[in-house]
C-alpha atoms as a PDB file:
ATOM      1  CA  UNK A   1      17.692 -26.317  16.612  1.00  0.00           C
ATOM      2  CA  UNK A   2      14.317 -27.538  14.485  1.00  0.00           C
ATOM      3  CA  UNK A   3      11.783 -24.415  16.390  1.00  0.00           C
ATOM      4  CA  UNK A   4      14.916 -22.031  15.350  1.00  0.00           C
ATOM      5  CA  UNK A   5      14.691 -23.204  11.391  1.00  0.00           C
ATOM      6  CA  UNK A   6      11.904 -22.603  11.410  1.00  0.00           C
ATOM      7  CA  UNK A   7      11.762 -19.107  12.785  1.00  0.00           C
ATOM      8  CA  UNK A   8      14.329 -18.351  10.468  1.00  0.00           C
ATOM      9  CA  UNK A   9      12.149 -18.911   7.680  1.00  0.00           C
ATOM     10  CA  UNK A  10       9.190 -17.833   8.488  1.00  0.00           C
ATOM     11  CA  UNK A  11      11.592 -14.163   9.095  1.00  0.00           C
ATOM     12  CA  UNK A  12      12.413 -14.714   5.722  1.00  0.00           C
ATOM     13  CA  UNK A  13       9.204 -14.636   4.049  1.00  0.00           C
ATOM     14  CA  UNK A  14       7.792 -11.771   5.974  1.00  0.00           C
ATOM     15  CA  UNK A  15      11.234 -10.337   4.788  1.00  0.00           C
ATOM     16  CA  UNK A  16      10.148 -11.190   1.517  1.00  0.00           C
ATOM     17  CA  UNK A  17       6.389  -9.552   1.991  1.00  0.00           C
ATOM     18  CA  UNK A  18       7.773  -6.711   2.706  1.00  0.00           C
ATOM     19  CA  UNK A  19      10.269  -6.395  -0.469  1.00  0.00           C
ATOM     20  CA  UNK A  20       6.980  -7.497  -2.817  1.00  0.00           C
ATOM     21  CA  UNK A  21       4.855  -4.128  -1.086  1.00  0.00           C
ATOM     22  CA  UNK A  22       8.033  -1.981  -0.817  1.00  0.00           C
ATOM     23  CA  UNK A  23       7.397  -2.569  -5.394  1.00  0.00           C
ATOM     24  CA  UNK A  24       3.150  -2.311  -5.596  1.00  0.00           C
ATOM     25  CA  UNK A  25       3.083   0.281  -2.734  1.00  0.00           C
ATOM     26  CA  UNK A  26       6.428   2.235  -3.913  1.00  0.00           C
ATOM     27  CA  UNK A  27       4.363   2.383  -8.107  1.00  0.00           C
ATOM     28  CA  UNK A  28       1.230   3.315  -6.506  1.00  0.00           C
ATOM     29  CA  UNK A  29       1.729   6.021  -3.693  1.00  0.00           C
ATOM     30  CA  UNK A  30       4.322   7.645  -6.259  1.00  0.00           C
ATOM     31  CA  UNK A  31       2.226   7.975  -9.120  1.00  0.00           C
ATOM     32  CA  UNK A  32       1.258  11.939  -8.203  1.00  0.00           C
ATOM     33  CA  UNK A  33       4.750  12.942  -9.233  1.00  0.00           C
ATOM     34  CA  UNK A  34       3.094  11.164 -13.162  1.00  0.00           C
ATOM     35  CA  UNK A  35       0.091  13.413 -12.737  1.00  0.00           C
ATOM     36  CA  UNK A  36       1.920  16.879 -14.589  1.00  0.00           C
ATOM     37  CA  UNK A  37       3.910  15.305 -17.019  1.00  0.00           C
ATOM     38  CA  UNK A  38       0.852  12.697 -18.343  1.00  0.00           C
ATOM     39  CA  UNK A  39      -1.032  16.122 -18.306  1.00  0.00           C
ATOM     40  CA  UNK A  40       1.819  18.058 -20.631  1.00  0.00           C
ATOM     41  CA  UNK A  41       2.088  14.690 -23.349  1.00  0.00           C
ATOM     42  CA  UNK A  42      -1.445  14.297 -23.438  1.00  0.00           C
ATOM     43  CA  UNK A  43      -3.160  17.733 -22.913  1.00  0.00           C
ATOM     44  CA  UNK A  44      -6.210  15.979 -21.482  1.00  0.00           C
ATOM     45  CA  UNK A  45      -6.388  18.232 -17.913  1.00  0.00           C
ATOM     46  CA  UNK A  46      -6.002  17.555 -14.278  1.00  0.00           C
ATOM     47  CA  UNK A  47      -9.514  16.461 -14.139  1.00  0.00           C
ATOM     48  CA  UNK A  48      -9.494  13.907 -16.206  1.00  0.00           C
ATOM     49  CA  UNK A  49      -6.110  12.087 -14.974  1.00  0.00           C
ATOM     50  CA  UNK A  50      -7.298  12.235 -12.040  1.00  0.00           C
ATOM     51  CA  UNK A  51     -10.553  10.854 -12.790  1.00  0.00           C
ATOM     52  CA  UNK A  52      -8.024   7.631 -13.805  1.00  0.00           C
ATOM     53  CA  UNK A  53      -6.267   7.585 -10.769  1.00  0.00           C
ATOM     54  CA  UNK A  54      -9.604   8.046  -8.205  1.00  0.00           C
ATOM     55  CA  UNK A  55     -10.667   4.312 -10.525  1.00  0.00           C
ATOM     56  CA  UNK A  56      -7.393   3.270  -9.287  1.00  0.00           C
ATOM     57  CA  UNK A  57      -7.967   3.714  -5.689  1.00  0.00           C
ATOM     58  CA  UNK A  58     -10.984   1.876  -5.899  1.00  0.00           C
ATOM     59  CA  UNK A  59     -10.167  -0.942  -8.737  1.00  0.00           C
ATOM     60  CA  UNK A  60      -7.236  -1.344  -6.025  1.00  0.00           C
ATOM     61  CA  UNK A  61      -9.481  -1.998  -2.850  1.00  0.00           C
ATOM     62  CA  UNK A  62     -12.272  -3.931  -4.603  1.00  0.00           C
ATOM     63  CA  UNK A  63      -9.651  -6.723  -6.149  1.00  0.00           C
ATOM     64  CA  UNK A  64      -7.911  -7.132  -2.827  1.00  0.00           C
ATOM     65  CA  UNK A  65     -10.547  -9.609  -1.455  1.00  0.00           C
ATOM     66  CA  UNK A  66     -11.261 -10.686  -4.312  1.00  0.00           C
ATOM     67  CA  UNK A  67      -7.942 -11.561  -5.063  1.00  0.00           C
ATOM     68  CA  UNK A  68      -7.626 -12.956  -1.522  1.00  0.00           C
ATOM     69  CA  UNK A  69      -9.846 -15.840  -2.401  1.00  0.00           C
ATOM     70  CA  UNK A  70      -8.234 -16.570  -5.283  1.00  0.00           C
ATOM     71  CA  UNK A  71      -4.588 -16.897  -2.785  1.00  0.00           C
ATOM     72  CA  UNK A  72      -6.650 -18.406  -0.070  1.00  0.00           C
ATOM     73  CA  UNK A  73      -8.176 -21.486  -2.723  1.00  0.00           C
ATOM     74  CA  UNK A  74      -4.586 -21.993  -5.173  1.00  0.00           C
ATOM     75  CA  UNK A  75      -2.107 -19.889  -3.189  1.00  0.00           C
ATOM     76  CA  UNK A  76      -0.726 -16.683  -2.985  1.00  0.00           C
ATOM     77  CA  UNK A  77       2.469 -17.308  -5.096  1.00  0.00           C
ATOM     78  CA  UNK A  78       0.121 -17.486  -8.312  1.00  0.00           C
ATOM     79  CA  UNK A  79      -1.704 -13.882  -7.620  1.00  0.00           C
ATOM     80  CA  UNK A  80       1.143 -12.982  -6.687  1.00  0.00           C
ATOM     81  CA  UNK A  81       2.855 -13.847 -10.221  1.00  0.00           C
ATOM     82  CA  UNK A  82      -0.427 -12.369 -12.379  1.00  0.00           C
ATOM     83  CA  UNK A  83       0.162  -9.187 -10.238  1.00  0.00           C
ATOM     84  CA  UNK A  84       3.387  -8.916 -11.288  1.00  0.00           C
ATOM     85  CA  UNK A  85       2.292  -8.461 -14.920  1.00  0.00           C
ATOM     86  CA  UNK A  86      -0.364  -6.740 -14.217  1.00  0.00           C
ATOM     87  CA  UNK A  87       1.660  -4.135 -12.816  1.00  0.00           C
ATOM     88  CA  UNK A  88       3.843  -3.808 -15.651  1.00  0.00           C
ATOM     89  CA  UNK A  89       1.813  -3.896 -18.737  1.00  0.00           C
ATOM     90  CA  UNK A  90      -0.552  -0.980 -16.914  1.00  0.00           C
ATOM     91  CA  UNK A  91       3.091   0.979 -16.165  1.00  0.00           C
ATOM     92  CA  UNK A  92       3.994   0.451 -19.821  1.00  0.00           C
ATOM     93  CA  UNK A  93       0.826   1.273 -21.160  1.00  0.00           C
ATOM     94  CA  UNK A  94       0.676   3.785 -19.814  1.00  0.00           C
ATOM     95  CA  UNK A  95       3.510   5.066 -22.346  1.00  0.00           C
ATOM     96  CA  UNK A  96       1.538   4.855 -24.976  1.00  0.00           C
ATOM     97  CA  UNK A  97      -2.339   5.883 -24.586  1.00  0.00           C
ATOM     98  CA  UNK A  98      -3.360   9.804 -25.084  1.00  0.00           C
ATOM     99  CA  UNK A  99      -6.679   9.412 -24.444  1.00  0.00           C
ATOM    100  CA  UNK A 100      -8.856   9.047 -21.152  1.00  0.00           C
ATOM    101  CA  UNK A 101     -10.390   6.224 -22.072  1.00  0.00           C
ATOM    102  CA  UNK A 102      -7.020   3.737 -22.190  1.00  0.00           C
ATOM    103  CA  UNK A 103      -5.648   6.160 -18.743  1.00  0.00           C
ATOM    104  CA  UNK A 104      -8.573   4.288 -17.258  1.00  0.00           C
ATOM    105  CA  UNK A 105      -7.733   1.051 -18.288  1.00  0.00           C
ATOM    106  CA  UNK A 106      -3.998   1.060 -18.449  1.00  0.00           C
ATOM    107  CA  UNK A 107      -3.461   2.870 -14.665  1.00  0.00           C
ATOM    108  CA  UNK A 108      -7.343   3.041 -12.723  1.00  0.00           C
ATOM    109  CA  UNK A 109      -7.595  -1.387 -13.927  1.00  0.00           C
ATOM    110  CA  UNK A 110      -4.545  -2.627 -14.349  1.00  0.00           C
ATOM    111  CA  UNK A 111      -1.679  -1.246 -12.956  1.00  0.00           C
ATOM    112  CA  UNK A 112      -4.438  -0.426  -9.719  1.00  0.00           C
ATOM    113  CA  UNK A 113      -5.146  -4.277  -9.697  1.00  0.00           C
ATOM    114  CA  UNK A 114      -2.045  -5.628  -9.823  1.00  0.00           C
ATOM    115  CA  UNK A 115      -0.872  -3.090  -7.164  1.00  0.00           C
ATOM    116  CA  UNK A 116      -4.265  -4.830  -5.411  1.00  0.00           C
ATOM    117  CA  UNK A 117      -2.293  -8.088  -6.506  1.00  0.00           C
ATOM    118  CA  UNK A 118       0.154  -7.843  -4.298  1.00  0.00           C
ATOM    119  CA  UNK A 119      -0.740  -6.039  -1.383  1.00  0.00           C
ATOM    120  CA  UNK A 120      -1.011  -5.709   2.495  1.00  0.00           C
ATOM    121  CA  UNK A 121      -4.314  -8.905   2.683  1.00  0.00           C
ATOM    122  CA  UNK A 122      -2.250 -11.305   0.395  1.00  0.00           C
ATOM    123  CA  UNK A 123       1.048 -10.231   2.387  1.00  0.00           C
ATOM    124  CA  UNK A 124      -0.162 -10.801   5.239  1.00  0.00           C
ATOM    125  CA  UNK A 125      -2.769 -13.196   5.189  1.00  0.00           C
ATOM    126  CA  UNK A 126       0.625 -15.548   3.164  1.00  0.00           C
ATOM    127  CA  UNK A 127       2.442 -15.187   5.911  1.00  0.00           C
ATOM    128  CA  UNK A 128      -0.189 -14.785   9.097  1.00  0.00           C
ATOM    129  CA  UNK A 129      -0.491 -18.647   9.204  1.00  0.00           C
ATOM    130  CA  UNK A 130       3.213 -19.124   9.397  1.00  0.00           C
ATOM    131  CA  UNK A 131       3.797 -16.528  12.818  1.00  0.00           C
ATOM    132  CA  UNK A 132       3.120 -17.177  16.397  1.00  0.00           C
ATOM    133  CA  UNK A 133       0.062 -16.062  16.665  1.00  0.00           C
ATOM    134  CA  UNK A 134       1.596 -13.276  19.280  1.00  0.00           C
ATOM    135  CA  UNK A 135       4.116 -12.151  17.203  1.00  0.00           C
ATOM    136  CA  UNK A 136       1.187 -11.021  14.171  1.00  0.00           C
ATOM    137  CA  UNK A 137       1.147  -7.355  14.779  1.00  0.00           C
ATOM    138  CA  UNK A 138       4.377  -7.181  14.943  1.00  0.00           C
ATOM    139  CA  UNK A 139       4.325  -8.912  11.756  1.00  0.00           C
ATOM    140  CA  UNK A 140       1.857  -6.709   9.979  1.00  0.00           C
ATOM    141  CA  UNK A 141       3.982  -3.420  11.348  1.00  0.00           C
ATOM    142  CA  UNK A 142       7.401  -5.001   9.488  1.00  0.00           C
ATOM    143  CA  UNK A 143       5.697  -5.785   6.191  1.00  0.00           C
ATOM    144  CA  UNK A 144       3.676  -2.581   6.201  1.00  0.00           C
ATOM    145  CA  UNK A 145       6.847  -0.532   6.865  1.00  0.00           C
ATOM    146  CA  UNK A 146       7.803  -2.289   3.548  1.00  0.00           C
ATOM    147  CA  UNK A 147       5.111  -0.806   1.825  1.00  0.00           C
ATOM    148  CA  UNK A 148       5.705   2.694   3.062  1.00  0.00           C
ATOM    149  CA  UNK A 149       9.766   2.298   2.312  1.00  0.00           C
ATOM    150  CA  UNK A 150       8.806   1.849  -1.258  1.00  0.00           C
ATOM    151  CA  UNK A 151       7.185   5.029  -1.567  1.00  0.00           C
ATOM    152  CA  UNK A 152      10.600   6.617   0.695  1.00  0.00           C
ATOM    153  CA  UNK A 153      12.657   4.875  -2.424  1.00  0.00           C
ATOM    154  CA  UNK A 154      11.003   5.710  -5.325  1.00  0.00           C
ATOM    155  CA  UNK A 155       9.266   9.421  -5.290  1.00  0.00           C
ATOM    156  CA  UNK A 156      12.596  10.483  -4.887  1.00  0.00           C
ATOM    157  CA  UNK A 157      14.059   7.804  -7.561  1.00  0.00           C
ATOM    158  CA  UNK A 158      11.604   8.704  -9.980  1.00  0.00           C
ATOM    159  CA  UNK A 159      11.654  12.092 -10.242  1.00  0.00           C
ATOM    160  CA  UNK A 160      15.323  11.832 -10.251  1.00  0.00           C
ATOM    161  CA  UNK A 161      14.508   9.583 -13.711  1.00  0.00           C
ATOM    162  CA  UNK A 162      12.311  11.984 -14.949  1.00  0.00           C
ATOM    163  CA  UNK A 163      14.462  14.671 -14.754  1.00  0.00           C
ATOM    164  CA  UNK A 164      17.353  13.569 -16.039  1.00  0.00           C
ATOM    165  CA  UNK A 165      15.450  11.369 -18.385  1.00  0.00           C
ATOM    166  CA  UNK A 166      11.913  11.909 -19.172  1.00  0.00           C
ATOM    167  CA  UNK A 167       8.594  10.264 -17.408  1.00  0.00           C
ATOM    168  CA  UNK A 168       8.403   7.426 -19.888  1.00  0.00           C
ATOM    169  CA  UNK A 169      11.772   6.172 -18.922  1.00  0.00           C
ATOM    170  CA  UNK A 170      10.790   6.727 -15.402  1.00  0.00           C
ATOM    171  CA  UNK A 171       7.173   5.167 -16.137  1.00  0.00           C
ATOM    172  CA  UNK A 172       9.340   2.099 -17.879  1.00  0.00           C
ATOM    173  CA  UNK A 173      12.203   1.691 -15.191  1.00  0.00           C
ATOM    174  CA  UNK A 174       8.944   0.716 -12.463  1.00  0.00           C
ATOM    175  CA  UNK A 175       7.728  -1.776 -15.580  1.00  0.00           C
ATOM    176  CA  UNK A 176      11.379  -3.836 -14.984  1.00  0.00           C
ATOM    177  CA  UNK A 177      11.038  -3.415 -10.955  1.00  0.00           C
ATOM    178  CA  UNK A 178       7.401  -4.934 -10.696  1.00  0.00           C
ATOM    179  CA  UNK A 179       8.878  -8.007 -12.781  1.00  0.00           C
ATOM    180  CA  UNK A 180      10.837  -8.705 -10.154  1.00  0.00           C
ATOM    181  CA  UNK A 181       8.235  -9.506  -7.523  1.00  0.00           C
ATOM    182  CA  UNK A 182       7.537 -12.437  -9.731  1.00  0.00           C
ATOM    183  CA  UNK A 183      10.549 -14.292  -8.446  1.00  0.00           C
ATOM    184  CA  UNK A 184       9.973 -13.809  -4.701  1.00  0.00           C
ATOM    185  CA  UNK A 185       6.126 -15.107  -4.769  1.00  0.00           C
ATOM    186  CA  UNK A 186       8.421 -18.651  -5.114  1.00  0.00           C
ATOM    187  CA  UNK A 187       8.990 -18.246  -1.563  1.00  0.00           C
ATOM    188  CA  UNK A 188       4.776 -17.200  -0.794  1.00  0.00           C
ATOM    189  CA  UNK A 189       3.894 -20.555  -3.260  1.00  0.00           C
ATOM    190  CA  UNK A 190       1.844 -23.223  -2.308  1.00  0.00           C
ATOM    191  CA  UNK A 191      -1.392 -23.021  -1.090  1.00  0.00           C
ATOM    192  CA  UNK A 192      -2.317 -22.519   2.727  1.00  0.00           C
ATOM    193  CA  UNK A 193      -2.075 -24.766   5.513  1.00  0.00           C
ATOM    194  CA  UNK A 194      -5.434 -26.291   6.873  1.00  0.00           C
ATOM    195  CA  UNK A 195      -6.109 -24.780  10.413  1.00  0.00           C
ATOM    196  CA  UNK A 196      -4.211 -27.292  12.631  1.00  0.00           C
ATOM    197  CA  UNK A 197      -1.604 -27.993  10.373  1.00  0.00           C
ATOM    198  CA  UNK A 198       0.642 -24.765  10.807  1.00  0.00           C
ATOM    199  CA  UNK A 199       0.167 -25.086  14.618  1.00  0.00           C
ATOM    200  CA  UNK A 200      -1.866 -21.352  14.644  1.00  0.00           C
ATOM    201  CA  UNK A 201      -5.119 -23.021  14.639  1.00  0.00           C
ATOM    202  CA  UNK A 202      -8.222 -19.915  15.299  1.00  0.00           C
ATOM    203  CA  UNK A 203      -9.420 -20.199  18.765  1.00  0.00           C
ATOM    204  CA  UNK A 204     -12.784 -19.194  16.975  1.00  0.00           C
ATOM    205  CA  UNK A 205     -12.635 -22.030  14.130  1.00  0.00           C
ATOM    206  CA  UNK A 206     -13.258 -18.727  11.184  1.00  0.00           C
ATOM    207  CA  UNK A 207     -10.484 -21.201   8.870  1.00  0.00           C
ATOM    208  CA  UNK A 208     -13.122 -23.619   9.133  1.00  0.00           C
ATOM    209  CA  UNK A 209     -15.907 -21.408   7.312  1.00  0.00           C
ATOM    210  CA  UNK A 210     -16.864 -20.345   3.819  1.00  0.00           C
ATOM    211  CA  UNK A 211     -16.232 -16.207   2.445  1.00  0.00           C
ATOM    212  CA  UNK A 212     -19.916 -15.939   2.156  1.00  0.00           C
ATOM    213  CA  UNK A 213     -19.907 -17.701   6.761  1.00  0.00           C
ATOM    214  CA  UNK A 214     -17.002 -14.692   7.252  1.00  0.00           C
ATOM    215  CA  UNK A 215     -18.905 -11.630   5.529  1.00  0.00           C
ATOM    216  CA  UNK A 216     -22.269 -12.807   7.041  1.00  0.00           C
ATOM    217  CA  UNK A 217     -20.618 -12.270  10.394  1.00  0.00           C
ATOM    218  CA  UNK A 218     -18.047  -9.326  10.263  1.00  0.00           C
ATOM    219  CA  UNK A 219     -21.662  -7.591   8.613  1.00  0.00           C
ATOM    220  CA  UNK A 220     -23.392  -7.706  11.422  1.00  0.00           C
ATOM    221  CA  UNK A 221     -20.302  -6.835  13.984  1.00  0.00           C
ATOM    222  CA  UNK A 222     -20.514  -3.033  13.980  1.00  0.00           C
ATOM    223  CA  UNK A 223     -16.576  -2.600  15.130  1.00  0.00           C
ATOM    224  CA  UNK A 224     -16.257  -3.927  11.591  1.00  0.00           C
ATOM    225  CA  UNK A 225     -18.640  -1.131   9.936  1.00  0.00           C
ATOM    226  CA  UNK A 226     -16.433   1.184  12.269  1.00  0.00           C
ATOM    227  CA  UNK A 227     -12.662  -0.114  11.539  1.00  0.00           C
ATOM    228  CA  UNK A 228     -14.098   0.172   7.238  1.00  0.00           C
ATOM    229  CA  UNK A 229     -14.876   3.905   8.196  1.00  0.00           C
ATOM    230  CA  UNK A 230     -11.465   4.859   9.854  1.00  0.00           C
ATOM    231  CA  UNK A 231      -9.679   2.713   6.637  1.00  0.00           C
ATOM    232  CA  UNK A 232     -12.267   5.562   4.355  1.00  0.00           C
ATOM    233  CA  UNK A 233     -10.800   8.072   6.257  1.00  0.00           C
ATOM    234  CA  UNK A 234      -7.412   7.224   6.062  1.00  0.00           C
ATOM    235  CA  UNK A 235      -7.916   6.321   2.256  1.00  0.00           C
ATOM    236  CA  UNK A 236      -9.309   9.400   1.566  1.00  0.00           C
ATOM    237  CA  UNK A 237      -6.889  11.630   2.668  1.00  0.00           C
ATOM    238  CA  UNK A 238      -3.720  10.140   2.257  1.00  0.00           C
ATOM    239  CA  UNK A 239      -4.531   9.322  -1.960  1.00  0.00           C
ATOM    240  CA  UNK A 240      -5.917  12.575  -1.992  1.00  0.00           C
ATOM    241  CA  UNK A 241      -1.974  14.326  -0.683  1.00  0.00           C
ATOM    242  CA  UNK A 242       0.281  11.490  -2.452  1.00  0.00           C
ATOM    243  CA  UNK A 243      -1.810  12.432  -5.703  1.00  0.00           C
ATOM    244  CA  UNK A 244      -2.460  16.402  -5.610  1.00  0.00           C
ATOM    245  CA  UNK A 245       0.276  17.394  -3.513  1.00  0.00           C
ATOM    246  CA  UNK A 246       2.697  17.699  -6.245  1.00  0.00           C
ATOM    247  CA  UNK A 247       0.815  19.532  -7.934  1.00  0.00           C
ATOM    248  CA  UNK A 248       0.491  22.293  -5.170  1.00  0.00           C
ATOM    249  CA  UNK A 249       4.022  22.349  -4.707  1.00  0.00           C
ATOM    250  CA  UNK A 250       4.193  23.098  -8.235  1.00  0.00           C
ATOM    251  CA  UNK A 251       1.123  26.458  -7.886  1.00  0.00           C
ATOM    252  CA  UNK A 252       3.628  27.447  -4.699  1.00  0.00           C
ATOM    253  CA  UNK A 253       6.003  28.268  -7.282  1.00  0.00           C
ATOM    254  CA  UNK A 254       8.879  25.662  -6.004  1.00  0.00           C
ATOM    255  CA  UNK A 255      11.070  22.259  -7.170  1.00  0.00           C
ATOM    256  CA  UNK A 256       9.300  19.276  -7.996  1.00  0.00           C
ATOM    257  CA  UNK A 257      12.148  17.944  -5.350  1.00  0.00           C
ATOM    258  CA  UNK A 258      10.494  19.244  -2.849  1.00  0.00           C
ATOM    259  CA  UNK A 259       7.262  17.249  -3.915  1.00  0.00           C
ATOM    260  CA  UNK A 260       9.376  14.078  -4.797  1.00  0.00           C
ATOM    261  CA  UNK A 261      11.254  15.102  -1.146  1.00  0.00           C
ATOM    262  CA  UNK A 262       7.188  15.761   0.825  1.00  0.00           C
ATOM    263  CA  UNK A 263       6.086  12.232  -0.834  1.00  0.00           C
ATOM    264  CA  UNK A 264       9.658   9.838   1.157  1.00  0.00           C
ATOM    265  CA  UNK A 265       9.100  11.651   3.818  1.00  0.00           C
ATOM    266  CA  UNK A 266       5.197  10.274   3.793  1.00  0.00           C
ATOM    267  CA  UNK A 267       7.230   6.278   3.158  1.00  0.00           C
ATOM    268  CA  UNK A 268       9.721   7.109   5.871  1.00  0.00           C
ATOM    269  CA  UNK A 269       7.456   8.317   8.450  1.00  0.00           C
ATOM    270  CA  UNK A 270       5.128   5.755   8.230  1.00  0.00           C
ATOM    271  CA  UNK A 271       8.423   3.166   8.291  1.00  0.00           C
ATOM    272  CA  UNK A 272       8.328   4.346  11.851  1.00  0.00           C
ATOM    273  CA  UNK A 273       5.004   4.931  12.527  1.00  0.00           C
ATOM    274  CA  UNK A 274       4.287   1.098  11.272  1.00  0.00           C
ATOM    275  CA  UNK A 275       6.539  -0.569  13.501  1.00  0.00           C
ATOM    276  CA  UNK A 276       5.871   0.773  16.868  1.00  0.00           C
ATOM    277  CA  UNK A 277       2.646   0.592  16.278  1.00  0.00           C
ATOM    278  CA  UNK A 278       2.881  -2.767  15.489  1.00  0.00           C
ATOM    279  CA  UNK A 279       5.055  -3.066  18.786  1.00  0.00           C
ATOM    280  CA  UNK A 280       2.232  -1.288  20.852  1.00  0.00           C
ATOM    281  CA  UNK A 281      -0.603  -3.725  18.951  1.00  0.00           C
ATOM    282  CA  UNK A 282      -0.068  -7.062  21.856  1.00  0.00           C
ATOM    283  CA  UNK A 283      -0.373  -3.851  24.546  1.00  0.00           C
ATOM    284  CA  UNK A 284      -2.158  -1.305  23.542  1.00  0.00           C
ATOM    285  CA  UNK A 285      -5.816  -1.274  21.925  1.00  0.00           C
ATOM    286  CA  UNK A 286      -5.621  -0.198  18.743  1.00  0.00           C
ATOM    287  CA  UNK A 287      -9.102   1.920  18.661  1.00  0.00           C
ATOM    288  CA  UNK A 288      -7.128   4.627  20.945  1.00  0.00           C
ATOM    289  CA  UNK A 289      -3.695   4.289  18.326  1.00  0.00           C
ATOM    290  CA  UNK A 290      -6.063   4.573  15.638  1.00  0.00           C
ATOM    291  CA  UNK A 291      -7.838   7.386  17.495  1.00  0.00           C
ATOM    292  CA  UNK A 292      -4.054   9.618  18.570  1.00  0.00           C
ATOM    293  CA  UNK A 293      -3.220   9.226  14.973  1.00  0.00           C
ATOM    294  CA  UNK A 294      -6.497  10.447  13.275  1.00  0.00           C
ATOM    295  CA  UNK A 295      -6.978  13.436  15.635  1.00  0.00           C
ATOM    296  CA  UNK A 296      -3.420  14.446  15.267  1.00  0.00           C
ATOM    297  CA  UNK A 297      -3.806  14.616  11.096  1.00  0.00           C
ATOM    298  CA  UNK A 298      -7.184  16.431  11.682  1.00  0.00           C
ATOM    299  CA  UNK A 299      -5.135  19.300  13.872  1.00  0.00           C
ATOM    300  CA  UNK A 300      -2.330  19.189  11.094  1.00  0.00           C
ATOM    301  CA  UNK A 301      -4.455  19.776   8.490  1.00  0.00           C
ATOM    302  CA  UNK A 302      -5.834  22.920   9.915  1.00  0.00           C
ATOM    303  CA  UNK A 303      -2.161  23.600  10.340  1.00  0.00           C
ATOM    304  CA  UNK A 304      -0.912  23.352   7.449  1.00  0.00           C
ATOM    305  CA  UNK A 305      -3.989  25.265   5.277  1.00  0.00           C
ATOM    306  CA  UNK A 306      -2.672  28.820   6.723  1.00  0.00           C
ATOM    307  CA  UNK A 307       1.116  28.044   7.320  1.00  0.00           C
ATOM    308  CA  UNK A 308       3.258  29.754   4.855  1.00  0.00           C
ATOM    309  CA  UNK A 309       4.200  27.457   1.842  1.00  0.00           C
ATOM    310  CA  UNK A 310       8.136  27.394   2.288  1.00  0.00           C
ATOM    311  CA  UNK A 311      10.372  23.717   1.334  1.00  0.00           C
ATOM    312  CA  UNK A 312       9.947  22.837   5.569  1.00  0.00           C
ATOM    313  CA  UNK A 313       6.089  23.421   5.783  1.00  0.00           C
ATOM    314  CA  UNK A 314       5.534  20.564   3.375  1.00  0.00           C
ATOM    315  CA  UNK A 315       8.086  18.078   5.095  1.00  0.00           C
ATOM    316  CA  UNK A 316       6.643  18.398   8.815  1.00  0.00           C
ATOM    317  CA  UNK A 317       3.518  18.176   7.416  1.00  0.00           C
ATOM    318  CA  UNK A 318       4.604  14.893   5.505  1.00  0.00           C
ATOM    319  CA  UNK A 319       6.117  14.044   8.142  1.00  0.00           C
ATOM    320  CA  UNK A 320       3.723  14.795  10.912  1.00  0.00           C
ATOM    321  CA  UNK A 321       0.707  12.887   8.334  1.00  0.00           C
ATOM    322  CA  UNK A 322       3.195   9.773   7.313  1.00  0.00           C
ATOM    323  CA  UNK A 323       2.448   7.570  10.658  1.00  0.00           C
ATOM    324  CA  UNK A 324      -0.847   5.902   8.924  1.00  0.00           C
ATOM    325  CA  UNK A 325      -0.804   1.718   8.649  1.00  0.00           C
ATOM    326  CA  UNK A 326      -1.837   0.105  10.833  1.00  0.00           C
ATOM    327  CA  UNK A 327      -1.454  -4.279  11.041  1.00  0.00           C
ATOM    328  CA  UNK A 328      -4.610  -5.213  10.277  1.00  0.00           C
ATOM    329  CA  UNK A 329      -3.312  -8.856  11.873  1.00  0.00           C
ATOM    330  CA  UNK A 330      -4.744  -7.300  15.431  1.00  0.00           C
ATOM    331  CA  UNK A 331      -7.106  -4.567  14.433  1.00  0.00           C
ATOM    332  CA  UNK A 332      -9.447  -7.080  15.652  1.00  0.00           C
ATOM    333  CA  UNK A 333      -8.336  -5.947  19.253  1.00  0.00           C
ATOM    334  CA  UNK A 334      -9.727  -2.858  18.329  1.00  0.00           C
END
C-alpha cells in the first residue's frame, strides 16, 4: 500500500514537471510568431530582432547548468519560482521596449533565463531521483512530451490572440501564464535527497562528486562530446525553423495560420516522438535512435527545399521534423 502511494506521488511530480515545461517551452518555441509583429512595431529590422532571439537561445542553454547547481544546493522549487518571475518579466517588458538592446535584455536575457530555470535539466533532475532507474527513460519522455505539448497549444493560441487583439496582448497573456508555474513549484520543493536516501543510489557514486569533478570526468569522455555535437545540430536547425518558419510562410504568400499550425504540428509530432523514444530507451541503444532521427531530418530538409511551397508541404515537413526529443536520463547508453 505504501509503495502504491509512493508511485502515485512520484507520477504526480512527473505530471507537474511536464506541465511546467509545457508553459516554459510553449512560450519559447512560439516566439517566432512575434518576429514580424515586433518588426512592424519597432522598425528595427528582422536581423536585429533575430539576433535578440539568437542571444536567447545561447542564454537558455548557458543558464541551465548554473540553475542546476543552484537547484542541487537549495532545491528546484526555488529555481522554478525565480524562473516564473523572470519569464513573466521578460514577456511583459518585450511589449514596452523599442530598441535592439532593449529586446536583447527582455527576450535574450530575462525571458531566456526564466525559461532555462524551468527547463528539462531542472525538471528531469528533480523527478529522476524519485523514480525507479528502469522507469527514468520513459519518465524523461513524458516530461519532454509536456514541453512539446506546450508548442502544440501555445503556437495556435498566440496566433489566435494576435489576430483578434494584437501581439502585445498575446505577449501579456504569456506573461500571466508564466506566473502559474510558481505555485506548481510547491510540488518540487525541498532539497534533493542525498544518495541512498531515496533508494536510487548511483552505482558510479556520481552523486558524491562535486560539479567540477563531474565536469572533469565528462570532458574526458568521447561520448559526452558526441552528445554535445548531436544536440548542437538538433538545436541549431530546430531553433532556426521555429524562429524563421513564420517568415518563410509569409514570403510564400500564405496565411499566418499556416505558420502557427506548422509550429503546432512540430510540437504534436514531438509528443509522439518523445514517448516512443522514451519507451524504446530501455531496449534500443540511444545512439541508433539519434542516427535515424538525424538522417530522416536531413532527407526531409532536402526534399522541402525543392518541394512546392503549399500549406500541405509545410504541414508534412513539420510532422517529419517534429520528433526531436530524447530523454536525457538514458543518453549515457549511447
